[in-house]
PDB file of N, CA and C in Angstrom:
ATOM      1  N   MET A   1     195.815 101.019 263.163  1.00  0.00           N
ATOM      2  CA  MET A   1     196.742 102.140 262.999  1.00  0.00           C
ATOM      3  C   MET A   1     196.058 103.293 262.278  1.00  0.00           C
ATOM      4  N   LEU A   2     195.349 103.003 261.210  1.00  0.00           N
ATOM      5  CA  LEU A   2     194.685 104.066 260.459  1.00  0.00           C
ATOM      6  C   LEU A   2     193.586 104.718 261.284  1.00  0.00           C
ATOM      7  N   ILE A   3     192.862 103.916 262.053  1.00  0.00           N
ATOM      8  CA  ILE A   3     191.802 104.460 262.908  1.00  0.00           C
ATOM      9  C   ILE A   3     192.411 105.393 263.950  1.00  0.00           C
ATOM     10  N   TRP A   4     193.531 104.969 264.546  1.00  0.00           N
ATOM     11  CA  TRP A   4     194.217 105.806 265.535  1.00  0.00           C
ATOM     12  C   TRP A   4     194.629 107.122 264.903  1.00  0.00           C
ATOM     13  N   ALA A   5     195.140 107.075 263.671  1.00  0.00           N
ATOM     14  CA  ALA A   5     195.589 108.279 262.979  1.00  0.00           C
ATOM     15  C   ALA A   5     194.421 109.239 262.775  1.00  0.00           C
ATOM     16  N   LYS A   6     193.275 108.720 262.408  1.00  0.00           N
ATOM     17  CA  LYS A   6     192.099 109.573 262.201  1.00  0.00           C
ATOM     18  C   LYS A   6     191.698 110.251 263.515  1.00  0.00           C
ATOM     19  N   ASP A   7     191.767 109.510 264.613  1.00  0.00           N
ATOM     20  CA  ASP A   7     191.389 110.057 265.909  1.00  0.00           C
ATOM     21  C   ASP A   7     192.328 111.166 266.361  1.00  0.00           C
ATOM     22  N   HIS A   8     193.592 111.085 265.949  1.00  0.00           N
ATOM     23  CA  HIS A   8     194.588 112.016 266.455  1.00  0.00           C
ATOM     24  C   HIS A   8     195.082 113.008 265.409  1.00  0.00           C
ATOM     25  N   GLY A   9     194.475 112.987 264.220  1.00  0.00           N
ATOM     26  CA  GLY A   9     194.826 113.975 263.212  1.00  0.00           C
ATOM     27  C   GLY A   9     196.093 113.636 262.440  1.00  0.00           C
ATOM     28  N   HIS A  10     196.550 114.625 261.680  1.00  0.00           N
ATOM     29  CA  HIS A  10     197.642 114.414 260.732  1.00  0.00           C
ATOM     30  C   HIS A  10     198.945 114.024 261.426  1.00  0.00           C
ATOM     31  N   VAL A  11     199.270 114.668 262.544  1.00  0.00           N
ATOM     32  CA  VAL A  11     200.514 114.356 263.253  1.00  0.00           C
ATOM     33  C   VAL A  11     200.509 112.904 263.709  1.00  0.00           C
ATOM     34  N   GLY A  12     199.378 112.446 264.196  1.00  0.00           N
ATOM     35  CA  GLY A  12     199.258 111.056 264.612  1.00  0.00           C
ATOM     36  C   GLY A  12     199.493 110.104 263.453  1.00  0.00           C
ATOM     37  N   GLU A  13     199.004 110.500 262.277  1.00  0.00           N
ATOM     38  CA  GLU A  13     199.187 109.666 261.082  1.00  0.00           C
ATOM     39  C   GLU A  13     200.665 109.561 260.732  1.00  0.00           C
ATOM     40  N   ILE A  14     201.362 110.696 260.782  1.00  0.00           N
ATOM     41  CA  ILE A  14     202.806 110.706 260.498  1.00  0.00           C
ATOM     42  C   ILE A  14     203.539 109.806 261.481  1.00  0.00           C
ATOM     43  N   ARG A  15     203.256 109.964 262.781  1.00  0.00           N
ATOM     44  CA  ARG A  15     203.945 109.166 263.800  1.00  0.00           C
ATOM     45  C   ARG A  15     203.648 107.683 263.627  1.00  0.00           C
ATOM     46  N   SER A  16     202.408 107.344 263.326  1.00  0.00           N
ATOM     47  CA  SER A  16     202.048 105.937 263.110  1.00  0.00           C
ATOM     48  C   SER A  16     202.813 105.377 261.926  1.00  0.00           C
ATOM     49  N   GLY A  17     202.937 106.185 260.866  1.00  0.00           N
ATOM     50  CA  GLY A  17     203.676 105.758 259.686  1.00  0.00           C
ATOM     51  C   GLY A  17     205.139 105.506 260.004  1.00  0.00           C
ATOM     52  N   LEU A  18     205.729 106.429 260.771  1.00  0.00           N
ATOM     53  CA  LEU A  18     207.140 106.280 261.139  1.00  0.00           C
ATOM     54  C   LEU A  18     207.344 105.034 261.995  1.00  0.00           C
ATOM     55  N   LEU A  19     206.429 104.780 262.927  1.00  0.00           N
ATOM     56  CA  LEU A  19     206.530 103.585 263.762  1.00  0.00           C
ATOM     57  C   LEU A  19     206.442 102.323 262.916  1.00  0.00           C
ATOM     58  N   ALA A  20     205.527 102.317 261.954  1.00  0.00           N
ATOM     59  CA  ALA A  20     205.365 101.143 261.097  1.00  0.00           C
ATOM     60  C   ALA A  20     206.636 100.893 260.292  1.00  0.00           C
ATOM     61  N   ILE A  21     207.240 101.972 259.792  1.00  0.00           N
ATOM     62  CA  ILE A  21     208.483 101.853 259.017  1.00  0.00           C
ATOM     63  C   ILE A  21     209.595 101.281 259.894  1.00  0.00           C
ATOM     64  N   GLN A  22     209.720 101.806 261.120  1.00  0.00           N
ATOM     65  CA  GLN A  22     210.762 101.327 262.021  1.00  0.00           C
ATOM     66  C   GLN A  22     210.528  99.871 262.385  1.00  0.00           C
ATOM     67  N   GLN A  23     209.285  99.485 262.617  1.00  0.00           N
ATOM     68  CA  GLN A  23     208.972  98.103 262.970  1.00  0.00           C
ATOM     69  C   GLN A  23     209.278  97.166 261.807  1.00  0.00           C
ATOM     70  N   ALA A  24     209.227  97.697 260.592  1.00  0.00           N
ATOM     71  CA  ALA A  24     209.548  96.882 259.418  1.00  0.00           C
ATOM     72  C   ALA A  24     211.057  96.750 259.246  1.00  0.00           C
ATOM     73  N   GLY A  25     211.818  97.426 260.098  1.00  0.00           N
ATOM     74  CA  GLY A  25     213.269  97.281 260.070  1.00  0.00           C
ATOM     75  C   GLY A  25     213.966  98.343 259.238  1.00  0.00           C
ATOM     76  N   ILE A  26     213.224  99.367 258.808  1.00  0.00           N
ATOM     77  CA  ILE A  26     213.824 100.453 258.022  1.00  0.00           C
ATOM     78  C   ILE A  26     213.956 101.656 258.945  1.00  0.00           C
ATOM     79  N   PHE A  27     215.189 101.989 259.316  1.00  0.00           N
ATOM     80  CA  PHE A  27     215.393 103.070 260.264  1.00  0.00           C
ATOM     81  C   PHE A  27     215.771 104.346 259.524  1.00  0.00           C
ATOM     82  N   LEU A  28     214.980 105.387 259.770  1.00  0.00           N
ATOM     83  CA  LEU A  28     215.211 106.660 259.099  1.00  0.00           C
ATOM     84  C   LEU A  28     216.346 107.419 259.773  1.00  0.00           C
ATOM     85  N   SER A  29     217.090 108.130 258.967  1.00  0.00           N
ATOM     86  CA  SER A  29     218.161 108.962 259.512  1.00  0.00           C
ATOM     87  C   SER A  29     217.563 110.159 260.242  1.00  0.00           C
ATOM     88  N   ASP A  30     218.331 110.774 261.124  1.00  0.00           N
ATOM     89  CA  ASP A  30     217.868 111.943 261.858  1.00  0.00           C
ATOM     90  C   ASP A  30     217.460 113.054 260.902  1.00  0.00           C
ATOM     91  N   ALA A  31     218.196 113.207 259.808  1.00  0.00           N
ATOM     92  CA  ALA A  31     217.887 114.264 258.845  1.00  0.00           C
ATOM     93  C   ALA A  31     216.498 114.071 258.236  1.00  0.00           C
ATOM     94  N   VAL A  32     216.182 112.838 257.888  1.00  0.00           N
ATOM     95  CA  VAL A  32     214.871 112.551 257.303  1.00  0.00           C
ATOM     96  C   VAL A  32     213.770 112.773 258.338  1.00  0.00           C
ATOM     97  N   LEU A  33     214.009 112.360 259.564  1.00  0.00           N
ATOM     98  CA  LEU A  33     213.033 112.572 260.629  1.00  0.00           C
ATOM     99  C   LEU A  33     212.797 114.061 260.853  1.00  0.00           C
ATOM    100  N   GLN A  34     213.861 114.842 260.897  1.00  0.00           N
ATOM    101  CA  GLN A  34     213.737 116.286 261.098  1.00  0.00           C
ATOM    102  C   GLN A  34     212.949 116.911 259.946  1.00  0.00           C
ATOM    103  N   GLU A  35     213.194 116.455 258.732  1.00  0.00           N
ATOM    104  CA  GLU A  35     212.467 116.978 257.574  1.00  0.00           C
ATOM    105  C   GLU A  35     210.978 116.664 257.687  1.00  0.00           C
ATOM    106  N   ALA A  36     210.666 115.455 258.111  1.00  0.00           N
ATOM    107  CA  ALA A  36     209.266 115.062 258.283  1.00  0.00           C
ATOM    108  C   ALA A  36     208.594 115.920 259.348  1.00  0.00           C
ATOM    109  N   LEU A  37     209.280 116.147 260.459  1.00  0.00           N
ATOM    110  CA  LEU A  37     208.729 116.981 261.524  1.00  0.00           C
ATOM    111  C   LEU A  37     208.531 118.413 261.045  1.00  0.00           C
ATOM    112  N   GLN A  38     209.447 118.912 260.230  1.00  0.00           N
ATOM    113  CA  GLN A  38     209.333 120.261 259.687  1.00  0.00           C
ATOM    114  C   GLN A  38     208.067 120.375 258.829  1.00  0.00           C
ATOM    115  N   LEU A  39     207.794 119.364 258.028  1.00  0.00           N
ATOM    116  CA  LEU A  39     206.596 119.364 257.182  1.00  0.00           C
ATOM    117  C   LEU A  39     205.334 119.378 258.029  1.00  0.00           C
ATOM    118  N   VAL A  40     205.358 118.650 259.140  1.00  0.00           N
ATOM    119  CA  VAL A  40     204.195 118.604 260.033  1.00  0.00           C
ATOM    120  C   VAL A  40     203.930 119.982 260.631  1.00  0.00           C
ATOM    121  N   ARG A  41     204.991 120.691 260.984  1.00  0.00           N
ATOM    122  CA  ARG A  41     204.837 121.998 261.637  1.00  0.00           C
ATOM    123  C   ARG A  41     204.328 123.079 260.687  1.00  0.00           C
ATOM    124  N   GLU A  42     204.604 122.939 259.390  1.00  0.00           N
ATOM    125  CA  GLU A  42     204.231 123.989 258.419  1.00  0.00           C
ATOM    126  C   GLU A  42     202.741 124.060 258.150  1.00  0.00           C
TER     127      GLU A  42
END
């Protein structure tokens, strides 16, 4: 996962992190996801 993130840059790292969290059974609310995406865009 970390190697993939390095290959695809910061956005890839964020997405990999979110996937890992979801796979662990912790589902983020839409508001939190939107906030994370906003941070990526800035």
